[in-house]
Amino acid sequence: MRYENADFIGQADMDAGVILVNVQAVDNAKAFEKAVAKVVGKATAQASAAGSAGLGRGRDQYTPFVTVYGLAQCTRDLAPLACAQCLSTAVSRFGGYCGARQGCQINYSSCRVRYEIYPFYFPLAGDGRRAVTDMTKNTKIVVHP
């Protein structure tokens, strides 16, 4: 829910955000960050494409046993260009906050980008199964201005 004293419909808002970071680090940071970049790149391109309803998902195999899952989402009032700008700003925060962590999400009121090493978005592959997540043990919350 968002309230303003000015018209904000169609305007990307990246003034303040909430960042959630999994405190667990990965072993091979360079390879992991490459997998994250691939997944997040696919998800953000999909989310900012015309006709996507502002939603993009992706996944990539990091190791034979670990898959990286990514999600990019914009509010439906944003045009594709405004969505792309919001998502780009969110992704640019990954380096400073997320490092080589097993999961991270950047949330603005107009968009969000998230990656994890477990399935967290629904549906995964159209099979109707739901992912169960427990963020209480491994999550650090950062609110930035």
N, C-alpha and C. Protein backbone atom coordinates (compact mmCIF):
# COMPACT_ATOMS: atom_id res chain seq x y z
N MET A 1 0.85 -1.16 0.00
CA MET A 1 0.00 0.00 0.00
C MET A 1 0.90 1.22 0.00
N ARG A 2 0.52 2.21 -0.79
CA ARG A 2 1.31 3.43 -0.88
C ARG A 2 0.38 4.64 -0.92
N TYR A 3 0.73 5.65 -0.15
CA TYR A 3 -0.03 6.90 -0.12
C TYR A 3 0.92 8.05 -0.40
N GLU A 4 0.49 8.99 -1.20
CA GLU A 4 1.27 10.19 -1.51
C GLU A 4 0.32 11.37 -1.63
N ASN A 5 0.85 12.57 -1.51
CA ASN A 5 0.03 13.75 -1.74
C ASN A 5 0.19 14.27 -3.17
N ALA A 6 0.85 13.49 -4.02
CA ALA A 6 1.02 13.82 -5.44
C ALA A 6 0.74 12.56 -6.26
N ASP A 7 0.43 12.77 -7.52
CA ASP A 7 0.14 11.64 -8.41
C ASP A 7 1.44 10.87 -8.69
N PHE A 8 1.48 9.61 -8.34
CA PHE A 8 2.68 8.79 -8.56
C PHE A 8 2.43 7.65 -9.55
N ILE A 9 1.24 7.55 -10.08
CA ILE A 9 0.93 6.46 -11.01
C ILE A 9 1.82 6.57 -12.24
N GLY A 10 2.47 5.48 -12.57
CA GLY A 10 3.35 5.43 -13.74
C GLY A 10 4.75 5.96 -13.50
N GLN A 11 5.03 6.42 -12.28
CA GLN A 11 6.35 6.96 -11.95
C GLN A 11 7.12 5.95 -11.10
N ALA A 12 8.31 5.60 -11.52
CA ALA A 12 9.13 4.66 -10.74
C ALA A 12 9.66 5.37 -9.50
N ASP A 13 9.53 4.73 -8.36
CA ASP A 13 9.99 5.28 -7.08
C ASP A 13 11.11 4.41 -6.54
N MET A 14 12.32 4.97 -6.50
CA MET A 14 13.47 4.26 -5.97
C MET A 14 14.14 5.07 -4.86
N ASP A 15 13.37 5.92 -4.20
CA ASP A 15 13.94 6.78 -3.17
C ASP A 15 14.36 6.01 -1.93
N ALA A 16 13.57 5.07 -1.50
CA ALA A 16 13.89 4.28 -0.32
C ALA A 16 13.56 2.83 -0.61
N GLY A 17 14.32 1.95 -0.03
CA GLY A 17 14.08 0.53 -0.28
C GLY A 17 14.40 -0.32 0.92
N VAL A 18 13.97 -1.55 0.84
CA VAL A 18 14.27 -2.54 1.87
C VAL A 18 15.10 -3.63 1.21
N ILE A 19 16.20 -3.98 1.85
CA ILE A 19 17.11 -4.98 1.32
C ILE A 19 17.17 -6.14 2.30
N LEU A 20 16.93 -7.33 1.82
CA LEU A 20 17.01 -8.54 2.63
C LEU A 20 18.16 -9.37 2.10
N VAL A 21 19.08 -9.74 2.98
CA VAL A 21 20.29 -10.46 2.57
C VAL A 21 20.41 -11.75 3.37
N ASN A 22 20.60 -12.85 2.67
CA ASN A 22 20.91 -14.12 3.32
C ASN A 22 22.34 -14.02 3.82
N VAL A 23 22.58 -14.30 5.08
CA VAL A 23 23.91 -14.13 5.65
C VAL A 23 24.87 -15.27 5.31
N GLN A 24 24.37 -16.33 4.68
CA GLN A 24 25.22 -17.46 4.31
C GLN A 24 25.99 -17.14 3.03
N ALA A 25 27.31 -17.29 3.07
CA ALA A 25 28.16 -17.03 1.91
C ALA A 25 28.27 -18.28 1.04
N VAL A 26 28.69 -18.07 -0.21
CA VAL A 26 28.92 -19.18 -1.14
C VAL A 26 30.42 -19.44 -1.23
N ASP A 27 30.77 -20.64 -1.72
CA ASP A 27 32.18 -21.02 -1.80
C ASP A 27 32.92 -20.34 -2.95
N ASN A 28 32.43 -20.46 -4.15
CA ASN A 28 33.10 -19.92 -5.33
C ASN A 28 32.38 -18.64 -5.75
N ALA A 29 32.81 -17.52 -5.18
CA ALA A 29 32.10 -16.26 -5.37
C ALA A 29 32.02 -15.85 -6.83
N LYS A 30 33.10 -15.98 -7.56
CA LYS A 30 33.12 -15.53 -8.95
C LYS A 30 32.13 -16.31 -9.81
N ALA A 31 32.11 -17.62 -9.68
CA ALA A 31 31.18 -18.45 -10.46
C ALA A 31 29.74 -18.20 -10.03
N PHE A 32 29.53 -18.01 -8.74
CA PHE A 32 28.18 -17.76 -8.24
C PHE A 32 27.65 -16.42 -8.75
N GLU A 33 28.47 -15.39 -8.68
CA GLU A 33 28.04 -14.07 -9.15
C GLU A 33 27.75 -14.09 -10.64
N LYS A 34 28.47 -14.91 -11.39
CA LYS A 34 28.20 -15.07 -12.82
C LYS A 34 26.82 -15.71 -13.03
N ALA A 35 26.51 -16.73 -12.25
CA ALA A 35 25.20 -17.39 -12.34
C ALA A 35 24.09 -16.43 -11.94
N VAL A 36 24.32 -15.65 -10.88
CA VAL A 36 23.33 -14.67 -10.43
C VAL A 36 23.10 -13.63 -11.52
N ALA A 37 24.17 -13.13 -12.12
CA ALA A 37 24.04 -12.12 -13.18
C ALA A 37 23.22 -12.66 -14.35
N LYS A 38 23.45 -13.91 -14.70
CA LYS A 38 22.70 -14.53 -15.80
C LYS A 38 21.21 -14.62 -15.46
N VAL A 39 20.91 -15.11 -14.27
CA VAL A 39 19.52 -15.28 -13.84
C VAL A 39 18.81 -13.94 -13.71
N VAL A 40 19.46 -13.00 -13.04
CA VAL A 40 18.85 -11.69 -12.82
C VAL A 40 18.71 -10.93 -14.15
N GLY A 41 19.69 -11.07 -15.02
CA GLY A 41 19.60 -10.44 -16.34
C GLY A 41 18.41 -10.94 -17.13
N LYS A 42 18.22 -12.25 -17.11
CA LYS A 42 17.07 -12.84 -17.81
C LYS A 42 15.76 -12.37 -17.19
N ALA A 43 15.69 -12.38 -15.87
CA ALA A 43 14.45 -11.99 -15.18
C ALA A 43 14.12 -10.52 -15.41
N THR A 44 15.12 -9.63 -15.34
CA THR A 44 14.85 -8.21 -15.53
C THR A 44 14.48 -7.90 -16.97
N ALA A 45 15.11 -8.56 -17.93
CA ALA A 45 14.75 -8.36 -19.34
C ALA A 45 13.32 -8.80 -19.59
N GLN A 46 12.96 -9.92 -19.01
CA GLN A 46 11.60 -10.44 -19.17
C GLN A 46 10.58 -9.51 -18.50
N ALA A 47 10.88 -9.04 -17.30
CA ALA A 47 9.94 -8.19 -16.57
C ALA A 47 9.72 -6.85 -17.25
N SER A 48 10.75 -6.30 -17.89
CA SER A 48 10.63 -4.98 -18.51
C SER A 48 10.19 -5.05 -19.97
N ALA A 49 9.93 -6.24 -20.48
CA ALA A 49 9.46 -6.39 -21.86
C ALA A 49 7.97 -6.05 -21.94
N ALA A 50 7.58 -5.46 -23.05
CA ALA A 50 6.17 -5.15 -23.26
C ALA A 50 5.35 -6.43 -23.22
N GLY A 51 4.21 -6.38 -22.56
CA GLY A 51 3.33 -7.54 -22.49
C GLY A 51 3.66 -8.54 -21.41
N SER A 52 4.66 -8.25 -20.58
CA SER A 52 5.07 -9.20 -19.54
C SER A 52 4.31 -9.01 -18.23
N ALA A 53 3.52 -7.97 -18.13
CA ALA A 53 2.83 -7.60 -16.89
C ALA A 53 3.82 -7.31 -15.77
N GLY A 54 5.06 -6.95 -16.13
CA GLY A 54 6.05 -6.56 -15.14
C GLY A 54 6.63 -7.69 -14.33
N LEU A 55 6.58 -8.91 -14.84
CA LEU A 55 7.07 -10.07 -14.10
C LEU A 55 8.07 -10.85 -14.93
N GLY A 56 9.21 -11.17 -14.33
CA GLY A 56 10.22 -11.99 -14.99
C GLY A 56 10.82 -12.98 -14.01
N ARG A 57 11.10 -14.18 -14.50
CA ARG A 57 11.71 -15.22 -13.67
C ARG A 57 12.84 -15.88 -14.44
N GLY A 58 13.75 -16.47 -13.70
CA GLY A 58 14.83 -17.21 -14.34
C GLY A 58 15.47 -18.15 -13.36
N ARG A 59 16.22 -19.10 -13.90
CA ARG A 59 17.00 -19.99 -13.05
C ARG A 59 18.19 -20.50 -13.85
N ASP A 60 19.25 -20.83 -13.12
CA ASP A 60 20.48 -21.31 -13.75
C ASP A 60 21.17 -22.27 -12.79
N GLN A 61 21.79 -23.26 -13.35
CA GLN A 61 22.51 -24.25 -12.56
C GLN A 61 23.87 -23.68 -12.18
N TYR A 62 24.09 -23.48 -10.89
CA TYR A 62 25.36 -22.96 -10.38
C TYR A 62 26.36 -24.10 -10.22
N THR A 63 25.94 -25.18 -9.61
CA THR A 63 26.72 -26.42 -9.51
C THR A 63 25.77 -27.56 -9.87
N PRO A 64 26.27 -28.78 -9.98
CA PRO A 64 25.34 -29.88 -10.28
C PRO A 64 24.23 -30.04 -9.24
N PHE A 65 24.44 -29.52 -8.04
CA PHE A 65 23.46 -29.69 -6.98
C PHE A 65 22.78 -28.40 -6.53
N VAL A 66 23.20 -27.26 -7.06
CA VAL A 66 22.65 -25.97 -6.63
C VAL A 66 22.16 -25.18 -7.84
N THR A 67 20.91 -24.77 -7.76
CA THR A 67 20.30 -23.93 -8.79
C THR A 67 20.05 -22.55 -8.21
N VAL A 68 20.32 -21.52 -9.00
CA VAL A 68 20.02 -20.14 -8.59
C VAL A 68 18.70 -19.75 -9.24
N TYR A 69 17.77 -19.24 -8.43
CA TYR A 69 16.46 -18.81 -8.90
C TYR A 69 16.39 -17.29 -8.80
N GLY A 70 15.81 -16.65 -9.79
CA GLY A 70 15.70 -15.20 -9.77
C GLY A 70 14.32 -14.71 -10.15
N LEU A 71 13.95 -13.57 -9.60
CA LEU A 71 12.66 -12.95 -9.87
C LEU A 71 12.85 -11.45 -9.99
N ALA A 72 12.21 -10.85 -10.98
CA ALA A 72 12.17 -9.40 -11.12
C ALA A 72 10.71 -9.02 -11.32
N GLN A 73 10.28 -7.96 -10.65
CA GLN A 73 8.88 -7.59 -10.72
C GLN A 73 8.72 -6.08 -10.59
N CYS A 74 7.84 -5.53 -11.41
CA CYS A 74 7.49 -4.11 -11.33
C CYS A 74 6.01 -3.99 -11.08
N THR A 75 5.61 -2.86 -10.49
CA THR A 75 4.19 -2.60 -10.36
C THR A 75 3.61 -2.45 -11.76
N ARG A 76 2.37 -2.81 -11.92
CA ARG A 76 1.77 -2.88 -13.25
C ARG A 76 1.48 -1.52 -13.87
N ASP A 77 1.62 -0.45 -13.09
CA ASP A 77 1.39 0.89 -13.65
C ASP A 77 2.60 1.43 -14.40
N LEU A 78 3.75 0.77 -14.28
CA LEU A 78 4.96 1.27 -14.93
C LEU A 78 5.04 0.85 -16.39
N ALA A 79 5.47 1.78 -17.23
CA ALA A 79 5.76 1.48 -18.63
C ALA A 79 7.03 0.63 -18.66
N PRO A 80 7.28 -0.10 -19.74
CA PRO A 80 8.48 -0.94 -19.81
C PRO A 80 9.79 -0.19 -19.53
N LEU A 81 9.94 1.04 -20.02
CA LEU A 81 11.17 1.79 -19.78
C LEU A 81 11.32 2.15 -18.31
N ALA A 82 10.26 2.61 -17.68
CA ALA A 82 10.32 2.95 -16.25
C ALA A 82 10.59 1.70 -15.42
N CYS A 83 10.00 0.58 -15.82
CA CYS A 83 10.25 -0.70 -15.14
C CYS A 83 11.73 -1.06 -15.25
N ALA A 84 12.28 -0.96 -16.46
CA ALA A 84 13.69 -1.29 -16.68
C ALA A 84 14.60 -0.40 -15.85
N GLN A 85 14.27 0.88 -15.73
CA GLN A 85 15.08 1.80 -14.93
C GLN A 85 15.03 1.44 -13.45
N CYS A 86 13.86 1.12 -12.97
CA CYS A 86 13.71 0.74 -11.56
C CYS A 86 14.49 -0.54 -11.27
N LEU A 87 14.33 -1.54 -12.13
CA LEU A 87 15.04 -2.80 -11.93
C LEU A 87 16.55 -2.63 -12.03
N SER A 88 16.99 -1.78 -12.95
CA SER A 88 18.43 -1.52 -13.09
C SER A 88 18.99 -0.89 -11.82
N THR A 89 18.25 0.03 -11.24
CA THR A 89 18.69 0.65 -9.98
C THR A 89 18.76 -0.40 -8.88
N ALA A 90 17.77 -1.26 -8.81
CA ALA A 90 17.77 -2.32 -7.79
C ALA A 90 18.96 -3.25 -7.97
N VAL A 91 19.20 -3.69 -9.20
CA VAL A 91 20.32 -4.61 -9.48
C VAL A 91 21.65 -3.95 -9.16
N SER A 92 21.76 -2.64 -9.38
CA SER A 92 23.02 -1.95 -9.10
C SER A 92 23.36 -1.98 -7.61
N ARG A 93 22.40 -2.23 -6.75
CA ARG A 93 22.63 -2.31 -5.31
C ARG A 93 23.20 -3.67 -4.89
N PHE A 94 23.09 -4.68 -5.74
CA PHE A 94 23.55 -6.02 -5.38
C PHE A 94 25.01 -6.02 -4.94
N GLY A 95 25.87 -5.36 -5.68
CA GLY A 95 27.30 -5.37 -5.37
C GLY A 95 27.61 -4.85 -3.98
N GLY A 96 26.95 -3.80 -3.56
CA GLY A 96 27.22 -3.20 -2.27
C GLY A 96 26.62 -3.93 -1.08
N TYR A 97 25.54 -4.65 -1.31
CA TYR A 97 24.84 -5.28 -0.20
C TYR A 97 24.88 -6.81 -0.23
N CYS A 98 24.85 -7.38 -1.40
CA CYS A 98 24.64 -8.83 -1.51
C CYS A 98 25.93 -9.64 -1.58
N GLY A 99 26.97 -9.08 -2.18
CA GLY A 99 28.23 -9.80 -2.29
C GLY A 99 28.03 -11.21 -2.79
N ALA A 100 28.71 -12.15 -2.23
CA ALA A 100 28.60 -13.56 -2.61
C ALA A 100 27.71 -14.29 -1.60
N ARG A 101 26.51 -13.82 -1.46
CA ARG A 101 25.56 -14.40 -0.51
C ARG A 101 24.60 -15.33 -1.23
N GLN A 102 24.08 -16.31 -0.51
CA GLN A 102 23.20 -17.31 -1.10
C GLN A 102 21.87 -16.75 -1.55
N GLY A 103 21.51 -15.57 -1.08
CA GLY A 103 20.26 -14.96 -1.48
C GLY A 103 20.23 -13.50 -1.13
N CYS A 104 19.45 -12.74 -1.89
CA CYS A 104 19.34 -11.31 -1.65
C CYS A 104 18.11 -10.79 -2.37
N GLN A 105 17.48 -9.78 -1.79
CA GLN A 105 16.40 -9.11 -2.50
C GLN A 105 16.44 -7.62 -2.21
N ILE A 106 16.20 -6.86 -3.27
CA ILE A 106 16.14 -5.41 -3.19
C ILE A 106 14.70 -5.03 -3.51
N ASN A 107 14.05 -4.35 -2.59
CA ASN A 107 12.64 -4.01 -2.74
C ASN A 107 12.44 -2.50 -2.71
N TYR A 108 11.91 -1.97 -3.79
CA TYR A 108 11.45 -0.59 -3.84
C TYR A 108 9.93 -0.62 -3.94
N SER A 109 9.29 0.51 -3.75
CA SER A 109 7.83 0.50 -3.85
C SER A 109 7.35 0.25 -5.27
N SER A 110 8.21 0.48 -6.27
CA SER A 110 7.82 0.27 -7.67
C SER A 110 8.34 -1.02 -8.28
N CYS A 111 9.35 -1.62 -7.67
CA CYS A 111 9.91 -2.84 -8.25
C CYS A 111 10.70 -3.62 -7.20
N ARG A 112 11.01 -4.85 -7.57
CA ARG A 112 11.83 -5.69 -6.69
C ARG A 112 12.61 -6.68 -7.54
N VAL A 113 13.80 -7.03 -7.05
CA VAL A 113 14.63 -8.06 -7.67
C VAL A 113 15.11 -8.97 -6.56
N ARG A 114 15.05 -10.27 -6.81
CA ARG A 114 15.43 -11.25 -5.79
C ARG A 114 16.10 -12.45 -6.44
N TYR A 115 17.09 -13.00 -5.74
CA TYR A 115 17.64 -14.30 -6.12
C TYR A 115 17.86 -15.13 -4.87
N GLU A 116 17.77 -16.42 -5.02
CA GLU A 116 17.97 -17.38 -3.93
C GLU A 116 18.51 -18.67 -4.51
N ILE A 117 18.98 -19.57 -3.64
CA ILE A 117 19.41 -20.89 -4.10
C ILE A 117 18.35 -21.94 -3.82
N TYR A 118 17.14 -21.50 -3.55
CA TYR A 118 16.00 -22.40 -3.39
C TYR A 118 14.83 -21.80 -4.17
N PRO A 119 13.91 -22.63 -4.61
CA PRO A 119 12.76 -22.10 -5.35
C PRO A 119 11.84 -21.32 -4.42
N PHE A 120 11.50 -20.11 -4.81
CA PHE A 120 10.67 -19.26 -3.95
C PHE A 120 9.51 -18.62 -4.69
N TYR A 121 9.46 -18.72 -6.00
CA TYR A 121 8.35 -18.13 -6.73
C TYR A 121 7.42 -19.21 -7.23
N PHE A 122 6.19 -18.81 -7.50
CA PHE A 122 5.14 -19.77 -7.83
C PHE A 122 4.51 -19.42 -9.17
N PRO A 123 4.13 -20.33 -10.01
CA PRO A 123 4.52 -21.74 -9.94
C PRO A 123 5.94 -21.90 -10.47
N LEU A 124 6.60 -22.95 -10.05
CA LEU A 124 7.97 -23.20 -10.48
C LEU A 124 8.02 -23.63 -11.94
N ALA A 125 7.28 -24.67 -12.26
CA ALA A 125 7.29 -25.17 -13.63
C ALA A 125 5.91 -25.61 -14.06
N GLY A 126 4.91 -25.00 -13.48
CA GLY A 126 3.55 -25.33 -13.86
C GLY A 126 3.01 -26.57 -13.19
N ASP A 127 3.75 -27.14 -12.22
CA ASP A 127 3.27 -28.36 -11.58
C ASP A 127 2.41 -28.08 -10.35
N GLY A 128 2.29 -26.80 -9.97
CA GLY A 128 1.41 -26.44 -8.86
C GLY A 128 2.01 -26.63 -7.49
N ARG A 129 3.24 -27.17 -7.39
CA ARG A 129 3.86 -27.35 -6.07
C ARG A 129 4.28 -26.00 -5.52
N ARG A 130 4.27 -25.89 -4.21
CA ARG A 130 4.68 -24.66 -3.56
C ARG A 130 6.02 -24.85 -2.87
N ALA A 131 6.81 -23.80 -2.88
CA ALA A 131 8.08 -23.83 -2.16
C ALA A 131 7.85 -23.37 -0.73
N VAL A 132 8.55 -23.96 0.18
CA VAL A 132 8.47 -23.57 1.58
C VAL A 132 9.79 -22.92 1.95
N THR A 133 9.72 -21.73 2.52
CA THR A 133 10.94 -21.02 2.87
C THR A 133 10.88 -20.59 4.33
N ASP A 134 12.03 -20.62 4.98
CA ASP A 134 12.16 -20.13 6.35
C ASP A 134 13.27 -19.09 6.34
N MET A 135 12.91 -17.81 6.39
CA MET A 135 13.90 -16.75 6.33
C MET A 135 14.34 -16.30 7.71
N THR A 136 13.88 -16.93 8.76
CA THR A 136 14.15 -16.44 10.11
C THR A 136 15.58 -16.66 10.56
N LYS A 137 16.28 -17.66 10.03
CA LYS A 137 17.61 -17.99 10.52
C LYS A 137 18.74 -17.33 9.74
N ASN A 138 18.53 -17.03 8.47
CA ASN A 138 19.63 -16.62 7.62
C ASN A 138 19.42 -15.29 6.92
N THR A 139 18.60 -14.42 7.45
CA THR A 139 18.28 -13.18 6.76
C THR A 139 18.69 -11.97 7.58
N LYS A 140 19.32 -11.01 6.89
CA LYS A 140 19.65 -9.73 7.49
C LYS A 140 18.84 -8.68 6.75
N ILE A 141 18.19 -7.78 7.45
CA ILE A 141 17.36 -6.75 6.84
C ILE A 141 18.07 -5.41 6.94
N VAL A 142 18.15 -4.70 5.80
CA VAL A 142 18.77 -3.39 5.75
C VAL A 142 17.76 -2.44 5.13
N VAL A 143 17.50 -1.31 5.76
CA VAL A 143 16.65 -0.27 5.19
C VAL A 143 17.56 0.90 4.87
N HIS A 144 17.55 1.30 3.59
CA HIS A 144 18.43 2.41 3.22
C HIS A 144 17.61 3.59 2.73
N PRO A 145 18.13 4.80 2.90
CA PRO A 145 17.40 6.00 2.46
C PRO A 145 17.49 6.18 0.96
